[in-house]
Amino acid sequence: MAEKESVVGQVKDWQDGEMKQVTVGETDILVARVAGQYHAIGAYCTHYGAPLVEGVLSGSRVVCPWHHACFSVTSGDHEEPPGFDCLPHFEVRIRGDDIVVCVPDDAPTQRTPDMAKPDTKADERIFAILGAGVAGAAAAETLRQVGFQGRLVLITGEGHVPYDRTVLSKAYLAGEQEDIGPLRDVAFYEQHGIEVQANKPVARVDTTAQQIEFMNGEELSYHTLLVATGGSPRQLNVRGTELDGVFRLRTPEDAQQIIAAAKNGTRGVIIGASFISMECAASLRQRDVKITVVAPESAPLALVLGPAIGQMYKNLHEANGVSFVLEAAVEQLVGEDKVEKVVVRGGQEIEADFVVMGVGVQPATEFLRGVARNEDESVSVDAHLCVARTNSTLYAAGDIATFPDPVSGAPIRIEHWRLAQQHGRTAALNMAGIDKTFDQVPFFWTSQYGLSLAYVGHATDWDDIVYEGDLEQHDFLAYYLKGDQVQAVAGMGREQSLCAIEECLRLGKMPSVQEIQAGAIDWVAQLR
């Protein structure tokens, strides 16, 4: 195989923990020095193409600056979601003081992880995955990657192979992206023996008999089942929600209906001030829709991010033409056959050509039999994502799973897209007999009007929030403090710092609360 060689630096100029992006021929390469050794991998994240050099190097892995996917710099392997594919790894040679990278002429930009070939004669077990969101997709691929050769069935009530649900309220609704591409195409699943059963809504799962019953009358017996069905959008308990023009956003079909209703100059009312709601508001403003947000909070996102950041988002949306009716409860939706008004308690009426309800989700677990469900309809699992007293035949992941916090041990449930993928991978390892406890750091992001906020860790409440930077300039870090711990950090315009903070949380390298309160911290130096 023909290859190109290029001198990319001098040994005397590099220190451990340093990485640089270089170009060999027409291929961009990330070169890193770890423990005196030099390694070269592809330069761009396989998720959305972020330049990895703008992230951080943590030991032998690099963290993507955009959505915190992680890759090994020694092999290019994908270690942490989002995304699925690995990076190419290139040979590095030392000639005298020269660092030389060798790159094949037809070098790929990414590579699919090695996967076991299905062989149901070698392994007669049936592993079923209920739910083809990112948790289910990650679990299916992980099972093949770690050698499972039995029958592998990925089941969804939707008519799609797994896709990126995060774009629904962002680029797709805004008109910046014309379609919602699959995470993998149909041929991929066929090649690796992952049997996707779409349009197969489930009527009942008998966890004692280990059997799935479908709405169409079919049945499937399983050896081990992962339930990753996510959440169902909640419905307001008020009159008028059945009217035409009232939407919830969960599927591509939902998004298409909203887009069809959102003509230039139309009036849309969004009920709720959640992340999905505010992303919808920002996206629909790009379609020149007049948007009013109605919510019980005093500021959007204040319950999750605190009042100061909530006020920042309110200011941002108002500057882009969004109106707010806050600290308000919806009394009813009014119209003949189609919604025409939203009536707020107290009598205020808001004219509407359509309504989007973003009032949260409820874990989709109503079909489960033989296991206890919590008050919020979630299912409790242990640190291996296994449901109690099911003898390792039933696992749960993502929005439906209440799991032990790796830091405190307290039961928590987190509705984050990336965490669902982390859950899916951990559950799959345990399904395959590999002992793995869930110990990853939660992370999520939101993008509104071209501004991204990232959040690492998890804090349901806090004693104090310490701010560093300028919120109104959208350049800050916010530290959520509880007792003597930093539980979470949110920020804008501080991508590299947030990558380092996530790694510090993972590795137990966080500074004390007193150090946080004392002033700005060099997070890359703190990680090193």
Protein backbone atom coordinates (compact mmCIF):
# COMPACT_ATOMS: atom_id res chain seq x y z
CA MET A 1 0.00 0.00 0.00
CA ALA A 2 1.41 3.36 -1.04
CA GLU A 3 1.94 5.84 1.75
CA LYS A 4 3.27 9.31 2.41
CA GLU A 5 5.82 10.20 5.06
CA SER A 6 6.13 13.60 6.62
CA VAL A 7 8.30 15.11 9.31
CA VAL A 8 5.81 16.72 11.70
CA GLY A 9 8.17 18.01 14.38
CA GLN A 10 11.30 17.61 16.42
CA VAL A 11 11.47 15.45 19.54
CA LYS A 12 13.18 18.25 21.48
CA ASP A 13 10.19 20.54 20.93
CA TRP A 14 7.53 18.25 22.45
CA GLN A 15 6.50 17.63 26.04
CA ASP A 16 4.35 14.88 27.49
CA GLY A 17 0.65 15.73 27.31
CA GLU A 18 1.08 17.89 24.21
CA MET A 19 -0.90 17.44 21.00
CA LYS A 20 -0.82 19.20 17.65
CA GLN A 21 -2.74 19.01 14.38
CA VAL A 22 -0.59 18.51 11.28
CA THR A 23 -1.23 17.71 7.62
CA VAL A 24 0.37 14.80 5.77
CA GLY A 25 -0.43 14.97 2.07
CA GLU A 26 -4.14 15.80 2.09
CA THR A 27 -4.85 14.14 5.45
CA ASP A 28 -5.18 16.07 8.71
CA ILE A 29 -3.60 14.22 11.62
CA LEU A 30 -3.62 14.67 15.39
CA VAL A 31 -0.21 13.89 16.91
CA ALA A 32 0.18 13.48 20.67
CA ARG A 33 2.99 12.63 23.05
CA VAL A 34 2.04 10.36 25.95
CA ALA A 35 4.60 8.92 28.40
CA GLY A 36 7.43 9.68 26.01
CA GLN A 37 5.75 7.93 23.07
CA TYR A 38 4.30 9.59 19.96
CA HIS A 39 0.94 8.65 18.50
CA ALA A 40 -1.01 9.79 15.45
CA ILE A 41 -4.75 9.47 14.81
CA GLY A 42 -7.38 11.17 12.67
CA ALA A 43 -7.82 14.84 13.51
CA TYR A 44 -11.61 15.15 13.61
CA CYS A 45 -14.27 13.68 15.86
CA THR A 46 -16.35 10.99 14.14
CA HIS A 47 -19.57 12.40 15.65
CA TYR A 48 -19.87 15.86 14.03
CA GLY A 49 -16.34 16.56 12.83
CA ALA A 50 -15.01 18.81 15.59
CA PRO A 51 -11.24 19.45 15.53
CA LEU A 52 -9.94 17.36 18.40
CA VAL A 53 -6.89 19.58 18.90
CA GLU A 54 -9.27 22.13 20.44
CA GLY A 55 -10.27 19.63 23.12
CA VAL A 56 -8.05 18.26 25.87
CA LEU A 57 -5.63 15.36 26.19
CA SER A 58 -6.33 13.39 29.35
CA GLY A 59 -3.75 10.68 29.82
CA SER A 60 -4.01 8.64 26.65
CA ARG A 61 -7.40 9.89 25.53
CA VAL A 62 -8.54 13.03 23.80
CA VAL A 63 -11.89 14.68 24.59
CA CYS A 64 -13.85 16.34 21.77
CA PRO A 65 -14.50 20.06 22.41
CA TRP A 66 -18.08 20.04 21.10
CA HIS A 67 -19.95 17.07 22.58
CA HIS A 68 -17.22 15.35 24.65
CA ALA A 69 -16.78 12.12 22.70
CA CYS A 70 -13.48 10.49 23.72
CA PHE A 71 -10.90 8.62 21.66
CA SER A 72 -7.71 6.76 22.52
CA VAL A 73 -4.69 8.50 21.00
CA THR A 74 -2.75 5.24 21.15
CA SER A 75 -5.23 3.31 18.97
CA GLY A 76 -7.91 5.71 17.70
CA ASP A 77 -10.58 3.60 19.44
CA HIS A 78 -13.83 5.30 20.40
CA GLU A 79 -14.00 5.27 24.21
CA GLU A 80 -16.88 7.55 25.14
CA PRO A 81 -20.02 8.71 23.31
CA PRO A 82 -21.55 10.41 21.44
CA GLY A 83 -20.79 8.85 18.08
CA PHE A 84 -19.96 5.25 17.24
CA ASP A 85 -16.96 5.05 14.93
CA CYS A 86 -13.26 4.97 15.75
CA LEU A 87 -10.48 7.06 14.25
CA PRO A 88 -7.71 5.77 11.99
CA HIS A 89 -4.37 5.23 13.69
CA PHE A 90 -1.12 5.96 11.85
CA GLU A 91 2.43 4.76 12.31
CA VAL A 92 4.90 7.17 13.90
CA ARG A 93 8.65 6.71 13.43
CA ILE A 94 11.49 8.54 15.16
CA ARG A 95 14.51 9.25 12.95
CA GLY A 96 17.16 11.03 14.89
CA ASP A 97 15.35 14.06 16.27
CA ASP A 98 12.61 13.93 13.62
CA ILE A 99 9.05 12.80 14.31
CA VAL A 100 7.81 11.12 11.12
CA VAL A 101 4.18 10.16 10.48
CA CYS A 102 3.32 7.59 7.80
CA VAL A 103 -0.10 7.90 6.17
CA PRO A 104 -1.55 5.58 3.48
CA ASP A 105 -2.64 7.33 0.30
CA ASP A 106 -6.22 6.14 0.77
CA ALA A 107 -6.38 6.88 4.50
CA PRO A 108 -9.96 6.78 5.86
CA THR A 109 -11.33 9.51 8.10
CA GLN A 110 -12.93 6.97 10.45
CA ARG A 111 -13.35 3.23 10.89
CA THR A 112 -16.07 0.93 12.15
CA PRO A 113 -15.12 -1.02 15.29
CA ASP A 114 -14.49 -4.72 14.83
CA MET A 115 -17.62 -6.79 15.42
CA ALA A 116 -18.32 -10.47 15.93
CA LYS A 117 -20.07 -12.36 13.16
CA PRO A 118 -23.45 -13.72 14.21
CA ASP A 119 -23.52 -17.49 14.65
CA THR A 120 -26.68 -18.79 16.29
CA LYS A 121 -25.30 -22.33 16.27
CA ALA A 122 -22.40 -21.22 18.44
CA ASP A 123 -24.68 -19.16 20.69
CA GLU A 124 -28.40 -19.97 20.78
CA ARG A 125 -29.34 -17.11 23.10
CA ILE A 126 -31.69 -14.33 21.99
CA PHE A 127 -30.84 -10.84 23.22
CA ALA A 128 -33.64 -8.34 22.63
CA ILE A 129 -33.42 -4.57 22.87
CA LEU A 130 -36.68 -2.72 23.22
CA GLY A 131 -36.31 0.83 21.94
CA ALA A 132 -34.17 1.94 19.01
CA GLY A 133 -33.02 5.27 20.37
CA VAL A 134 -29.39 5.98 21.03
CA ALA A 135 -29.28 3.71 24.12
CA GLY A 136 -30.60 0.74 22.16
CA ALA A 137 -28.35 1.43 19.17
CA ALA A 138 -25.28 1.72 21.39
CA ALA A 139 -26.14 -1.51 23.19
CA ALA A 140 -26.62 -3.45 19.96
CA GLU A 141 -23.27 -2.38 18.55
CA THR A 142 -21.47 -2.94 21.83
CA LEU A 143 -22.79 -6.50 22.09
CA ARG A 144 -21.34 -7.36 18.69
CA GLN A 145 -18.08 -5.55 19.51
CA VAL A 146 -17.52 -7.67 22.63
CA GLY A 147 -18.19 -10.94 20.85
CA PHE A 148 -21.90 -11.77 21.25
CA GLN A 149 -22.83 -14.06 18.35
CA GLY A 150 -26.40 -14.99 19.22
CA ARG A 151 -29.60 -13.59 17.76
CA LEU A 152 -29.77 -9.83 18.38
CA VAL A 153 -33.15 -8.11 17.91
CA LEU A 154 -33.55 -4.32 18.02
CA ILE A 155 -37.24 -3.42 18.32
CA THR A 156 -38.94 -0.06 17.81
CA GLY A 157 -42.51 1.13 17.53
CA GLU A 158 -41.32 3.82 15.11
CA GLY A 159 -40.78 3.26 11.41
CA HIS A 160 -37.08 4.16 11.44
CA VAL A 161 -33.72 2.66 12.15
CA PRO A 162 -32.00 4.57 14.99
CA TYR A 163 -31.48 8.28 14.25
CA ASP A 164 -30.11 11.39 15.97
CA ARG A 165 -33.10 12.67 17.93
CA THR A 166 -31.17 15.75 19.13
CA VAL A 167 -31.48 17.49 15.75
CA LEU A 168 -35.29 17.48 15.82
CA SER A 169 -35.61 20.60 17.96
CA LYS A 170 -32.47 22.21 16.57
CA ALA A 171 -31.19 22.09 12.97
CA TYR A 172 -34.13 20.17 11.48
CA LEU A 173 -36.88 22.33 12.96
CA ALA A 174 -34.90 25.46 12.07
CA GLY A 175 -34.62 24.41 8.42
CA GLU A 176 -30.83 24.15 8.53
CA GLN A 177 -30.92 20.39 7.92
CA GLU A 178 -33.20 18.91 5.27
CA ASP A 179 -33.46 15.40 6.61
CA ILE A 180 -32.75 13.35 9.70
CA GLY A 181 -30.16 10.82 8.73
CA PRO A 182 -29.91 7.46 10.48
CA LEU A 183 -27.11 6.76 12.94
CA ARG A 184 -26.37 3.73 10.73
CA ASP A 185 -27.97 2.68 7.48
CA VAL A 186 -30.01 -0.48 7.01
CA ALA A 187 -27.09 -2.24 5.32
CA PHE A 188 -24.94 -1.79 8.44
CA TYR A 189 -27.45 -3.60 10.64
CA GLU A 190 -27.87 -6.36 8.07
CA GLN A 191 -24.11 -6.79 7.74
CA HIS A 192 -23.64 -7.26 11.47
CA GLY A 193 -26.67 -9.41 12.11
CA ILE A 194 -28.60 -6.81 14.09
CA GLU A 195 -32.22 -7.59 13.33
CA VAL A 196 -34.15 -4.31 13.31
CA GLN A 197 -37.88 -4.78 13.77
CA ALA A 198 -39.52 -1.41 13.05
CA ASN A 199 -43.21 -0.48 13.40
CA LYS A 200 -43.54 -3.09 16.16
CA PRO A 201 -45.25 -1.42 19.13
CA VAL A 202 -45.25 -3.59 22.24
CA ALA A 203 -48.40 -4.53 24.14
CA ARG A 204 -46.83 -6.35 27.07
CA VAL A 205 -43.54 -7.67 28.40
CA ASP A 206 -43.85 -10.60 30.78
CA THR A 207 -40.53 -10.37 32.61
CA THR A 208 -41.18 -13.61 34.51
CA ALA A 209 -41.84 -15.68 31.39
CA GLN A 210 -39.25 -13.63 29.46
CA GLN A 211 -41.61 -12.95 26.62
CA ILE A 212 -42.54 -9.88 24.57
CA GLU A 213 -46.07 -9.59 23.20
CA PHE A 214 -46.59 -7.17 20.31
CA MET A 215 -49.68 -5.17 19.38
CA ASN A 216 -50.05 -7.24 16.19
CA GLY A 217 -50.34 -10.46 18.22
CA GLU A 218 -46.81 -11.74 17.58
CA GLU A 219 -44.62 -12.93 20.44
CA LEU A 220 -40.85 -13.12 21.04
CA SER A 221 -39.15 -15.08 23.78
CA TYR A 222 -35.80 -13.80 24.95
CA HIS A 223 -32.89 -14.84 27.12
CA THR A 224 -31.95 -11.28 28.09
CA LEU A 225 -33.82 -8.04 27.46
CA LEU A 226 -32.69 -4.41 27.57
CA VAL A 227 -35.55 -1.92 27.89
CA ALA A 228 -34.54 1.48 26.49
CA THR A 229 -37.88 2.92 25.43
CA GLY A 230 -37.17 6.49 26.53
CA GLY A 231 -39.89 8.92 27.51
CA SER A 232 -43.35 9.72 26.19
CA PRO A 233 -44.16 13.46 26.00
CA ARG A 234 -46.51 14.49 28.76
CA GLN A 235 -49.94 15.89 27.96
CA LEU A 236 -51.42 18.83 29.84
CA ASN A 237 -54.57 17.91 31.72
CA VAL A 238 -56.62 20.79 30.29
CA ARG A 239 -59.44 21.12 27.77
CA GLY A 240 -58.54 21.47 24.10
CA THR A 241 -55.40 19.38 23.82
CA GLU A 242 -57.17 17.16 21.28
CA LEU A 243 -57.62 20.05 18.82
CA ASP A 244 -55.83 20.09 15.48
CA GLY A 245 -52.72 22.21 15.54
CA VAL A 246 -51.61 21.01 18.99
CA PHE A 247 -48.29 19.20 18.76
CA ARG A 248 -45.70 17.44 20.85
CA LEU A 249 -42.14 16.89 19.60
CA ARG A 250 -40.74 13.39 19.87
CA THR A 251 -40.42 11.90 16.38
CA PRO A 252 -39.51 13.09 12.87
CA GLU A 253 -43.20 12.93 11.99
CA ASP A 254 -43.96 15.30 14.88
CA ALA A 255 -41.31 17.73 13.61
CA GLN A 256 -42.69 17.55 10.07
CA GLN A 257 -46.18 18.44 11.32
CA ILE A 258 -44.82 21.43 13.23
CA ILE A 259 -42.85 22.60 10.19
CA ALA A 260 -45.99 22.33 8.04
CA ALA A 261 -47.85 24.55 10.52
CA ALA A 262 -45.01 27.03 10.94
CA LYS A 263 -45.44 29.30 7.95
CA ASN A 264 -43.84 32.76 7.87
CA GLY A 265 -45.76 35.12 10.08
CA THR A 266 -47.84 32.48 11.82
CA ARG A 267 -48.33 32.63 15.56
CA GLY A 268 -47.00 29.75 17.62
CA VAL A 269 -47.39 29.22 21.35
CA ILE A 270 -44.94 26.98 23.15
CA ILE A 271 -46.15 25.67 26.49
CA GLY A 272 -43.27 24.99 28.84
CA ALA A 273 -39.77 26.40 29.25
CA SER A 274 -37.72 23.20 29.10
CA PHE A 275 -34.62 22.72 26.94
CA ILE A 276 -36.74 21.21 24.16
CA SER A 277 -39.21 24.10 24.42
CA MET A 278 -36.53 26.78 24.22
CA GLU A 279 -34.73 25.04 21.35
CA CYS A 280 -38.06 24.88 19.51
CA ALA A 281 -38.60 28.59 20.15
CA ALA A 282 -35.16 29.48 18.76
CA SER A 283 -35.59 27.21 15.74
CA LEU A 284 -39.07 28.48 14.86
CA ARG A 285 -37.91 32.08 15.09
CA GLN A 286 -35.51 31.23 12.26
CA ARG A 287 -38.63 30.46 10.23
CA ASP A 288 -39.99 33.93 11.09
CA VAL A 289 -42.75 32.49 13.27
CA LYS A 290 -44.11 34.73 16.03
CA ILE A 291 -43.47 32.79 19.22
CA THR A 292 -44.93 33.18 22.70
CA VAL A 293 -43.66 30.95 25.51
CA VAL A 294 -46.08 30.22 28.36
CA ALA A 295 -44.61 28.58 31.47
CA PRO A 296 -45.01 28.46 35.26
CA GLU A 297 -41.35 29.37 35.91
CA SER A 298 -40.08 32.90 36.50
CA ALA A 299 -37.42 32.38 33.80
CA PRO A 300 -36.72 29.64 31.25
CA LEU A 301 -34.45 26.83 32.45
CA ALA A 302 -34.11 28.47 35.87
CA LEU A 303 -34.99 25.27 37.73
CA VAL A 304 -32.10 23.42 36.10
CA LEU A 305 -29.50 26.16 35.63
CA GLY A 306 -30.41 28.76 38.25
CA PRO A 307 -32.13 32.17 38.02
CA ALA A 308 -29.17 34.10 36.59
CA ILE A 309 -28.70 31.82 33.59
CA GLY A 310 -32.47 31.62 33.26
CA GLN A 311 -32.63 35.40 32.97
CA MET A 312 -29.76 35.31 30.45
CA TYR A 313 -31.79 32.94 28.26
CA LYS A 314 -34.89 35.08 28.65
CA ASN A 315 -32.92 38.12 27.48
CA LEU A 316 -31.46 36.15 24.57
CA HIS A 317 -34.86 34.99 23.37
CA GLU A 318 -36.47 38.39 23.79
CA ALA A 319 -33.65 39.95 21.76
CA ASN A 320 -34.62 37.50 19.01
CA GLY A 321 -38.31 38.36 19.10
CA VAL A 322 -39.77 35.75 21.50
CA SER A 323 -42.48 36.89 23.92
CA PHE A 324 -42.96 35.35 27.36
CA VAL A 325 -45.93 34.82 29.63
CA LEU A 326 -44.26 33.47 32.76
CA GLU A 327 -45.42 32.40 36.21
CA ALA A 328 -48.58 31.40 34.39
CA ALA A 329 -50.67 28.23 34.16
CA VAL A 330 -52.58 27.23 31.05
CA GLU A 331 -56.31 26.90 31.74
CA GLN A 332 -57.50 25.63 28.35
CA LEU A 333 -56.92 25.60 24.61
CA VAL A 334 -59.77 27.07 22.58
CA GLY A 335 -60.93 26.52 19.01
CA GLU A 336 -63.65 24.94 16.91
CA ASP A 337 -61.78 22.05 15.29
CA LYS A 338 -58.36 23.72 15.26
CA VAL A 339 -56.63 25.53 18.09
CA GLU A 340 -57.14 29.31 18.00
CA LYS A 341 -56.25 30.55 21.48
CA VAL A 342 -54.39 29.59 24.62
CA VAL A 343 -56.21 30.78 27.73
CA VAL A 344 -54.05 31.40 30.79
CA ARG A 345 -55.43 31.18 34.30
CA GLY A 346 -56.65 34.63 35.20
CA GLY A 347 -58.23 35.17 31.81
CA GLN A 348 -55.39 36.23 29.50
CA GLU A 349 -55.90 34.92 25.96
CA ILE A 350 -53.05 34.35 23.50
CA GLU A 351 -53.94 33.89 19.85
CA ALA A 352 -52.29 30.85 18.27
CA ASP A 353 -52.17 29.24 14.84
CA PHE A 354 -50.50 26.22 16.44
CA VAL A 355 -49.26 25.08 19.85
CA VAL A 356 -46.22 23.00 20.81
CA MET A 357 -46.33 21.39 24.22
CA GLY A 358 -42.98 20.92 25.94
CA VAL A 359 -44.01 19.99 29.45
CA GLY A 360 -41.65 17.08 30.01
CA VAL A 361 -41.70 13.37 29.42
CA GLN A 362 -42.81 10.31 31.35
CA PRO A 363 -40.79 7.05 31.25
CA ALA A 364 -42.38 4.68 28.74
CA THR A 365 -42.74 1.57 30.90
CA GLU A 366 -46.49 0.93 31.01
CA PHE A 367 -46.10 -2.41 29.19
CA LEU A 368 -43.81 -4.00 31.80
CA ARG A 369 -45.21 -6.79 33.95
CA GLY A 370 -43.51 -8.52 36.85
CA VAL A 371 -41.26 -5.63 37.94
CA ALA A 372 -41.88 -2.72 40.26
CA ARG A 373 -42.17 0.76 38.81
CA ASN A 374 -41.38 3.92 40.73
CA GLU A 375 -43.79 6.77 41.33
CA ASP A 376 -42.49 8.54 38.21
CA GLU A 377 -42.96 5.30 36.19
CA SER A 378 -39.21 4.67 35.97
CA VAL A 379 -37.54 1.34 36.77
CA SER A 380 -34.83 1.06 39.40
CA VAL A 381 -31.57 -0.60 38.38
CA ASP A 382 -28.28 -1.35 40.09
CA ALA A 383 -24.88 0.01 39.06
CA HIS A 384 -24.75 -2.60 36.30
CA LEU A 385 -28.09 -1.32 34.87
CA CYS A 386 -29.73 -4.61 35.89
CA VAL A 387 -33.28 -4.56 37.24
CA ALA A 388 -33.50 -6.03 40.74
CA ARG A 389 -34.53 -9.66 41.23
CA THR A 390 -34.54 -10.53 37.54
CA ASN A 391 -31.48 -12.82 37.66
CA SER A 392 -29.65 -10.71 35.04
CA THR A 393 -32.33 -11.27 32.41
CA LEU A 394 -33.65 -7.69 32.43
CA TYR A 395 -31.76 -4.41 32.07
CA ALA A 396 -32.94 -0.82 31.67
CA ALA A 397 -31.17 2.22 30.25
CA GLY A 398 -31.72 5.87 29.45
CA ASP A 399 -34.75 7.96 30.42
CA ILE A 400 -36.59 5.06 32.07
CA ALA A 401 -33.77 4.02 34.43
CA THR A 402 -33.35 5.25 38.01
CA PHE A 403 -29.78 4.32 38.84
CA PRO A 404 -27.30 4.88 41.69
CA ASP A 405 -25.34 8.12 41.38
CA PRO A 406 -21.68 7.05 40.95
CA VAL A 407 -20.63 9.87 43.32
CA SER A 408 -23.21 9.80 46.12
CA GLY A 409 -24.91 6.44 45.60
CA ALA A 410 -28.30 8.16 45.77
CA PRO A 411 -30.93 7.06 43.20
CA ILE A 412 -31.14 9.48 40.28
CA ARG A 413 -32.75 9.61 36.85
CA ILE A 414 -31.32 11.78 34.07
CA GLU A 415 -32.96 12.53 30.72
CA HIS A 416 -29.80 13.21 28.70
CA TRP A 417 -29.18 11.91 25.19
CA ARG A 418 -25.49 11.24 25.74
CA LEU A 419 -26.08 9.52 29.07
CA ALA A 420 -28.55 7.19 27.35
CA GLN A 421 -25.76 6.10 25.01
CA GLN A 422 -23.41 5.61 27.98
CA HIS A 423 -26.10 3.53 29.70
CA GLY A 424 -26.60 1.43 26.59
CA ARG A 425 -22.93 0.56 26.39
CA THR A 426 -22.67 -0.31 30.08
CA ALA A 427 -25.79 -2.45 30.00
CA ALA A 428 -24.53 -4.32 26.94
CA LEU A 429 -21.21 -5.15 28.58
CA ASN A 430 -23.00 -6.65 31.56
CA MET A 431 -25.46 -8.52 29.34
CA ALA A 432 -22.43 -10.08 27.66
CA GLY A 433 -20.97 -11.15 31.01
CA ILE A 434 -18.38 -8.39 31.35
CA ASP A 435 -18.55 -6.88 34.84
CA LYS A 436 -18.88 -3.10 34.37
CA THR A 437 -20.40 -0.60 36.77
CA PHE A 438 -21.75 2.68 35.48
CA ASP A 439 -19.34 5.41 36.55
CA GLN A 440 -19.40 7.99 33.73
CA VAL A 441 -19.88 11.71 34.19
CA PRO A 442 -23.17 13.08 32.80
CA PHE A 443 -22.94 15.72 30.08
CA PHE A 444 -25.48 17.57 27.97
CA TRP A 445 -25.59 20.54 25.66
CA THR A 446 -28.15 22.90 24.21
CA SER A 447 -27.81 25.11 21.14
CA GLN A 448 -29.97 28.21 20.66
CA TYR A 449 -29.37 31.05 18.17
CA GLY A 450 -25.93 29.65 17.40
CA LEU A 451 -24.84 29.74 21.05
CA SER A 452 -24.04 26.46 22.80
CA LEU A 453 -24.18 25.83 26.52
CA ALA A 454 -22.53 22.71 27.92
CA TYR A 455 -23.14 21.15 31.32
CA VAL A 456 -21.07 18.46 33.05
CA GLY A 457 -21.94 16.60 36.23
CA HIS A 458 -25.36 16.53 37.85
CA ALA A 459 -27.00 18.81 40.40
CA THR A 460 -30.68 18.68 41.32
CA ASP A 461 -30.19 21.37 43.94
CA TRP A 462 -27.32 23.40 45.30
CA ASP A 463 -26.18 25.59 48.17
CA ASP A 464 -24.57 28.19 45.94
CA ILE A 465 -23.68 28.95 42.32
CA VAL A 466 -20.33 30.64 41.73
CA TYR A 467 -19.95 32.44 38.40
CA GLU A 468 -16.75 33.12 36.53
CA GLY A 469 -16.90 35.37 33.45
CA ASP A 470 -19.77 37.35 31.94
CA LEU A 471 -23.20 35.79 31.45
CA GLU A 472 -24.54 38.51 29.16
CA GLN A 473 -21.45 38.20 26.94
CA HIS A 474 -22.10 34.43 26.82
CA ASP A 475 -18.61 33.71 28.12
CA PHE A 476 -18.72 32.09 31.55
CA LEU A 477 -18.52 29.09 33.84
CA ALA A 478 -21.11 28.44 36.55
CA TYR A 479 -20.15 26.12 39.43
CA TYR A 480 -22.98 24.35 41.30
CA LEU A 481 -21.80 23.78 44.87
CA LYS A 482 -23.34 21.44 47.43
CA GLY A 483 -21.66 21.06 50.81
CA ASP A 484 -17.95 20.64 50.13
CA GLN A 485 -18.35 19.41 46.54
CA VAL A 486 -18.63 20.84 43.06
CA GLN A 487 -21.53 18.80 41.72
CA ALA A 488 -21.80 20.27 38.23
CA VAL A 489 -20.48 23.02 35.97
CA ALA A 490 -22.25 24.81 33.11
CA GLY A 491 -20.64 27.19 30.68
CA MET A 492 -20.59 29.04 27.38
CA GLY A 493 -17.54 29.93 25.33
CA ARG A 494 -15.30 27.75 27.53
CA GLU A 495 -15.25 24.51 25.55
CA GLN A 496 -11.74 23.41 26.43
CA SER A 497 -12.23 24.17 30.12
CA LEU A 498 -15.45 22.14 30.19
CA CYS A 499 -13.68 19.17 28.60
CA ALA A 500 -11.02 19.37 31.31
CA ILE A 501 -13.64 19.78 34.04
CA GLU A 502 -15.41 16.61 32.93
CA GLU A 503 -12.16 14.69 33.12
CA CYS A 504 -11.36 16.20 36.53
CA LEU A 505 -14.78 15.05 37.76
CA ARG A 506 -14.17 11.57 36.34
CA LEU A 507 -10.68 11.27 37.81
CA GLY A 508 -11.38 12.86 41.20
CA LYS A 509 -9.14 15.84 40.47
CA MET A 510 -11.63 18.59 41.32
CA PRO A 511 -10.33 21.50 43.39
CA SER A 512 -11.99 22.36 46.68
CA VAL A 513 -15.00 24.60 46.99
CA GLN A 514 -12.73 27.18 48.62
CA GLU A 515 -10.44 27.18 45.56
CA ILE A 516 -13.45 27.62 43.26
CA GLN A 517 -14.68 30.54 45.36
CA ALA A 518 -11.21 32.12 45.40
CA GLY A 519 -11.07 32.82 41.67
CA ALA A 520 -10.46 31.57 38.12
CA ILE A 521 -8.82 28.16 37.66
CA ASP A 522 -6.65 27.02 34.76
CA TRP A 523 -8.58 23.81 34.10
CA VAL A 524 -6.17 22.31 31.58
CA ALA A 525 -3.34 22.75 34.09
CA GLN A 526 -5.59 21.33 36.83
CA LEU A 527 -6.15 18.21 34.73
CA ARG A 528 -2.45 17.75 34.05
